[in-house]
N, C-alpha and C. Protein backbone atom coordinates (compact mmCIF):
# COMPACT_ATOMS: atom_id res chain seq x y z
N MET A 1 54.57 65.15 43.43
CA MET A 1 54.26 64.75 42.07
C MET A 1 54.49 65.92 41.13
N ASP A 2 54.69 65.62 39.90
CA ASP A 2 54.88 66.61 38.86
C ASP A 2 53.68 67.55 38.81
N ILE A 3 53.94 68.83 38.57
CA ILE A 3 52.87 69.82 38.55
C ILE A 3 51.84 69.54 37.46
N ASN A 4 52.22 68.88 36.38
CA ASN A 4 51.30 68.59 35.29
C ASN A 4 50.52 67.30 35.50
N SER A 5 50.82 66.57 36.54
CA SER A 5 50.14 65.31 36.76
C SER A 5 48.89 65.53 37.61
N THR A 6 48.07 64.52 37.64
CA THR A 6 46.84 64.56 38.40
C THR A 6 47.14 64.46 39.89
N SER A 7 46.22 64.94 40.71
CA SER A 7 46.44 64.89 42.15
C SER A 7 46.55 63.45 42.62
N PRO A 8 47.42 63.20 43.58
CA PRO A 8 47.59 61.85 44.10
C PRO A 8 46.28 61.26 44.63
N ALA A 9 45.46 62.08 45.27
CA ALA A 9 44.19 61.58 45.80
C ALA A 9 43.30 61.03 44.69
N LEU A 10 43.26 61.72 43.56
CA LEU A 10 42.44 61.27 42.44
C LEU A 10 42.97 59.98 41.85
N VAL A 11 44.28 59.89 41.73
CA VAL A 11 44.91 58.67 41.19
C VAL A 11 44.64 57.49 42.10
N PHE A 12 44.90 57.65 43.40
CA PHE A 12 44.73 56.52 44.31
C PHE A 12 43.27 56.17 44.53
N SER A 13 42.41 57.16 44.42
CA SER A 13 40.97 56.88 44.49
C SER A 13 40.55 56.03 43.29
N ALA A 14 41.04 56.38 42.12
CA ALA A 14 40.72 55.61 40.91
C ALA A 14 41.25 54.18 41.01
N LEU A 15 42.38 54.01 41.67
CA LEU A 15 42.97 52.67 41.81
C LEU A 15 42.39 51.89 42.98
N GLY A 16 41.50 52.52 43.73
CA GLY A 16 40.93 51.88 44.91
C GLY A 16 39.72 51.02 44.62
N ASP A 17 39.60 50.53 43.42
CA ASP A 17 38.47 49.70 43.03
C ASP A 17 39.00 48.47 42.29
N ASP A 18 38.51 47.29 42.67
CA ASP A 18 39.00 46.04 42.08
C ASP A 18 38.79 45.98 40.57
N THR A 19 37.64 46.46 40.09
CA THR A 19 37.37 46.44 38.65
C THR A 19 38.36 47.33 37.91
N ARG A 20 38.60 48.52 38.44
CA ARG A 20 39.54 49.42 37.78
C ARG A 20 40.97 48.88 37.82
N LEU A 21 41.32 48.23 38.93
CA LEU A 21 42.65 47.61 38.99
C LEU A 21 42.79 46.51 37.93
N GLU A 22 41.74 45.74 37.73
CA GLU A 22 41.77 44.70 36.69
C GLU A 22 41.87 45.33 35.30
N LEU A 23 41.17 46.42 35.08
CA LEU A 23 41.26 47.10 33.79
C LEU A 23 42.68 47.61 33.55
N ILE A 24 43.29 48.18 34.57
CA ILE A 24 44.69 48.64 34.46
C ILE A 24 45.58 47.45 34.12
N GLN A 25 45.36 46.34 34.80
CA GLN A 25 46.16 45.14 34.55
C GLN A 25 46.05 44.71 33.09
N ARG A 26 44.85 44.72 32.56
CA ARG A 26 44.65 44.34 31.16
C ARG A 26 45.32 45.32 30.20
N LEU A 27 45.28 46.59 30.55
CA LEU A 27 45.89 47.60 29.69
C LEU A 27 47.41 47.57 29.76
N LEU A 28 47.96 47.02 30.82
CA LEU A 28 49.41 46.90 30.94
C LEU A 28 49.99 45.85 29.98
N GLU A 29 49.11 45.08 29.35
CA GLU A 29 49.56 44.08 28.38
C GLU A 29 50.21 44.71 27.16
N GLY A 30 50.00 46.00 26.97
CA GLY A 30 50.71 46.68 25.89
C GLY A 30 49.83 47.44 24.92
N THR A 31 49.25 46.77 23.96
CA THR A 31 48.52 47.45 22.91
C THR A 31 47.20 48.04 23.41
N PRO A 32 46.74 49.11 22.78
CA PRO A 32 45.45 49.71 23.16
C PRO A 32 44.33 48.68 23.02
N LYS A 33 43.36 48.79 23.92
CA LYS A 33 42.26 47.82 23.96
C LYS A 33 40.91 48.52 23.83
N SER A 34 39.96 47.83 23.21
CA SER A 34 38.60 48.34 23.07
C SER A 34 37.78 48.04 24.32
N VAL A 35 36.66 48.72 24.46
CA VAL A 35 35.75 48.46 25.58
C VAL A 35 35.26 47.02 25.49
N SER A 36 35.02 46.55 24.27
CA SER A 36 34.56 45.17 24.07
C SER A 36 35.57 44.18 24.64
N TYR A 37 36.84 44.39 24.32
CA TYR A 37 37.89 43.51 24.84
C TYR A 37 37.98 43.63 26.35
N LEU A 38 37.98 44.86 26.85
CA LEU A 38 38.15 45.09 28.28
C LEU A 38 36.97 44.56 29.10
N SER A 39 35.79 44.46 28.48
CA SER A 39 34.59 43.99 29.18
C SER A 39 34.55 42.49 29.39
N ARG A 40 35.33 41.76 28.61
CA ARG A 40 35.29 40.29 28.69
C ARG A 40 35.60 39.79 30.10
N GLY A 41 34.74 38.87 30.55
CA GLY A 41 34.98 38.22 31.83
C GLY A 41 34.41 38.95 33.03
N PHE A 42 33.91 40.16 32.82
CA PHE A 42 33.29 40.89 33.92
C PHE A 42 31.80 40.57 33.95
N ASN A 43 31.23 40.56 35.12
CA ASN A 43 29.79 40.33 35.27
C ASN A 43 29.05 41.65 35.39
N ILE A 44 29.53 42.65 34.68
CA ILE A 44 28.88 43.95 34.65
C ILE A 44 28.75 44.40 33.20
N SER A 45 27.89 45.37 32.97
CA SER A 45 27.63 45.84 31.61
C SER A 45 28.80 46.62 31.02
N ARG A 46 28.77 46.77 29.71
CA ARG A 46 29.79 47.60 29.05
C ARG A 46 29.67 49.05 29.53
N GLN A 47 28.45 49.47 29.79
CA GLN A 47 28.24 50.83 30.29
C GLN A 47 28.95 51.02 31.63
N ALA A 48 28.88 50.02 32.50
CA ALA A 48 29.58 50.09 33.79
C ALA A 48 31.09 50.12 33.57
N ILE A 49 31.57 49.33 32.61
CA ILE A 49 33.00 49.35 32.28
C ILE A 49 33.40 50.73 31.79
N ARG A 50 32.56 51.34 30.96
CA ARG A 50 32.85 52.70 30.46
C ARG A 50 32.96 53.70 31.62
N LYS A 51 32.11 53.55 32.63
CA LYS A 51 32.18 54.45 33.79
C LYS A 51 33.50 54.26 34.54
N HIS A 52 33.92 53.01 34.67
CA HIS A 52 35.22 52.75 35.31
C HIS A 52 36.36 53.34 34.48
N LEU A 53 36.27 53.19 33.17
CA LEU A 53 37.29 53.75 32.29
C LEU A 53 37.31 55.28 32.40
N HIS A 54 36.15 55.88 32.55
CA HIS A 54 36.08 57.34 32.72
C HIS A 54 36.83 57.77 33.98
N HIS A 55 36.66 57.02 35.07
CA HIS A 55 37.38 57.35 36.31
C HIS A 55 38.89 57.26 36.10
N LEU A 56 39.32 56.22 35.40
CA LEU A 56 40.75 56.04 35.14
C LEU A 56 41.29 57.16 34.23
N GLU A 57 40.48 57.55 33.25
CA GLU A 57 40.88 58.63 32.35
C GLU A 57 40.97 59.96 33.10
N LYS A 58 39.98 60.23 33.94
CA LYS A 58 39.96 61.47 34.72
C LYS A 58 41.20 61.56 35.63
N ALA A 59 41.66 60.42 36.11
CA ALA A 59 42.85 60.38 36.96
C ALA A 59 44.14 60.42 36.15
N GLY A 60 44.03 60.43 34.84
CA GLY A 60 45.21 60.49 33.98
C GLY A 60 45.93 59.17 33.82
N LEU A 61 45.27 58.08 34.20
CA LEU A 61 45.92 56.76 34.14
C LEU A 61 45.78 56.08 32.79
N ILE A 62 44.77 56.47 32.03
CA ILE A 62 44.59 55.92 30.68
C ILE A 62 44.23 57.05 29.72
N ARG A 63 44.35 56.76 28.43
CA ARG A 63 44.01 57.74 27.40
C ARG A 63 43.22 57.04 26.30
N PRO A 64 42.07 57.60 25.92
CA PRO A 64 41.32 57.02 24.80
C PRO A 64 41.82 57.55 23.47
N THR A 65 41.71 56.74 22.45
CA THR A 65 42.04 57.13 21.09
C THR A 65 40.94 56.61 20.19
N LYS A 66 40.46 57.45 19.31
CA LYS A 66 39.41 57.05 18.37
C LYS A 66 40.07 56.43 17.14
N VAL A 67 39.66 55.20 16.81
CA VAL A 67 40.14 54.51 15.61
C VAL A 67 38.90 54.07 14.85
N GLY A 68 38.59 54.80 13.79
CA GLY A 68 37.34 54.53 13.07
C GLY A 68 36.18 54.85 13.98
N ARG A 69 35.28 53.87 14.14
CA ARG A 69 34.13 54.08 15.03
C ARG A 69 34.40 53.55 16.43
N GLU A 70 35.56 53.00 16.62
CA GLU A 70 35.89 52.37 17.90
C GLU A 70 36.80 53.27 18.74
N GLN A 71 36.60 53.20 20.03
CA GLN A 71 37.48 53.92 20.95
C GLN A 71 38.38 52.90 21.63
N LEU A 72 39.69 53.14 21.53
CA LEU A 72 40.67 52.26 22.16
C LEU A 72 41.29 52.99 23.34
N PHE A 73 41.63 52.22 24.35
CA PHE A 73 42.22 52.80 25.57
C PHE A 73 43.61 52.25 25.76
N GLN A 74 44.49 53.13 26.21
CA GLN A 74 45.85 52.68 26.53
C GLN A 74 46.32 53.33 27.82
N ILE A 75 47.22 52.64 28.46
CA ILE A 75 47.76 53.06 29.75
C ILE A 75 48.63 54.29 29.57
N GLN A 76 48.62 55.17 30.55
CA GLN A 76 49.51 56.33 30.59
C GLN A 76 50.60 56.00 31.61
N ILE A 77 51.63 55.34 31.16
CA ILE A 77 52.66 54.83 32.05
C ILE A 77 53.34 55.96 32.83
N GLU A 78 53.39 57.15 32.25
CA GLU A 78 54.01 58.29 32.93
C GLU A 78 53.28 58.60 34.24
N GLN A 79 51.95 58.51 34.21
CA GLN A 79 51.16 58.79 35.41
C GLN A 79 51.39 57.71 36.46
N ILE A 80 51.51 56.46 36.02
CA ILE A 80 51.80 55.36 36.94
C ILE A 80 53.17 55.60 37.59
N GLU A 81 54.17 55.94 36.77
CA GLU A 81 55.51 56.20 37.28
C GLU A 81 55.52 57.38 38.25
N SER A 82 54.78 58.43 37.92
CA SER A 82 54.70 59.60 38.79
C SER A 82 54.07 59.24 40.13
N SER A 83 53.05 58.39 40.10
CA SER A 83 52.40 57.96 41.34
C SER A 83 53.33 57.09 42.18
N CYS A 84 54.10 56.25 41.52
CA CYS A 84 55.08 55.42 42.24
C CYS A 84 56.14 56.30 42.89
N LYS A 85 56.59 57.31 42.17
CA LYS A 85 57.58 58.25 42.71
C LYS A 85 57.02 58.97 43.93
N TYR A 86 55.75 59.34 43.86
CA TYR A 86 55.09 60.01 44.98
C TYR A 86 55.09 59.10 46.21
N LEU A 87 54.74 57.82 46.01
CA LEU A 87 54.73 56.86 47.11
C LEU A 87 56.12 56.67 47.71
N GLU A 88 57.14 56.68 46.86
CA GLU A 88 58.51 56.55 47.34
C GLU A 88 58.89 57.76 48.22
N GLU A 89 58.47 58.95 47.80
CA GLU A 89 58.76 60.16 48.58
C GLU A 89 58.07 60.09 49.94
N ILE A 90 56.82 59.70 49.95
CA ILE A 90 56.06 59.58 51.20
C ILE A 90 56.72 58.53 52.10
N SER A 91 57.10 57.41 51.52
CA SER A 91 57.74 56.33 52.28
C SER A 91 59.05 56.82 52.90
N SER A 92 59.81 57.56 52.14
CA SER A 92 61.08 58.10 52.63
C SER A 92 60.84 59.05 53.80
N GLN A 93 59.83 59.88 53.69
CA GLN A 93 59.51 60.81 54.78
C GLN A 93 59.10 60.04 56.03
N TRP A 94 58.31 59.00 55.88
CA TRP A 94 57.90 58.19 57.02
C TRP A 94 59.11 57.53 57.67
N ASP A 95 60.02 57.03 56.85
CA ASP A 95 61.23 56.40 57.40
C ASP A 95 62.01 57.38 58.26
N ILE A 96 62.15 58.61 57.78
CA ILE A 96 62.88 59.64 58.54
C ILE A 96 62.16 59.95 59.85
N HIS A 97 60.85 60.13 59.78
CA HIS A 97 60.08 60.45 60.98
C HIS A 97 60.09 59.30 61.99
N LEU A 98 60.00 58.10 61.52
CA LEU A 98 60.04 56.95 62.43
C LEU A 98 61.41 56.81 63.08
N LYS A 99 62.46 57.08 62.31
CA LYS A 99 63.82 57.03 62.86
C LYS A 99 63.98 58.11 63.94
N ASN A 100 63.47 59.31 63.66
CA ASN A 100 63.54 60.40 64.65
C ASN A 100 62.75 60.05 65.90
N LEU A 101 61.60 59.45 65.74
CA LEU A 101 60.78 59.04 66.88
C LEU A 101 61.50 57.99 67.71
N LYS A 102 62.11 57.03 67.05
CA LYS A 102 62.85 55.97 67.74
C LYS A 102 63.99 56.59 68.54
N THR A 103 64.74 57.50 67.93
CA THR A 103 65.85 58.18 68.61
C THR A 103 65.35 58.94 69.83
N LEU A 104 64.25 59.65 69.67
CA LEU A 104 63.68 60.42 70.76
C LEU A 104 63.26 59.51 71.92
N LEU A 105 62.59 58.41 71.60
CA LEU A 105 62.16 57.49 72.64
C LEU A 105 63.33 56.81 73.33
N GLU A 106 64.37 56.47 72.56
CA GLU A 106 65.56 55.83 73.16
C GLU A 106 66.30 56.81 74.06
N ASP A 107 66.33 58.10 73.66
CA ASP A 107 66.99 59.12 74.48
C ASP A 107 66.27 59.34 75.80
N LYS A 108 64.94 59.22 75.79
CA LYS A 108 64.14 59.42 77.02
C LYS A 108 64.21 58.21 77.93
N ALA A 109 64.56 57.05 77.37
CA ALA A 109 64.58 55.81 78.18
C ALA A 109 65.83 55.69 78.99
């Protein structure tokens, strides 16, 4: 991952929660969203939503912006893309190692 990006463990930990995944999904709709909007349909308090948003912000996945008295949140697509790139690199490494293992086992057989 890029040196300026958040650690992969922090990103994937933040994404390892159903509520946070739903919040990301809502933020992918495009325009910045308020906590009030993001809270709709959840059976948890706005305070709990704020805690989930804090985890996403700490992982670099979202960014808050103050507009008047309201705080709006928007997705940080660069961090999502960086995380996807990281997964592709890991996947590529696994493919190489599995191919080497297969070759080794076939040679021994």
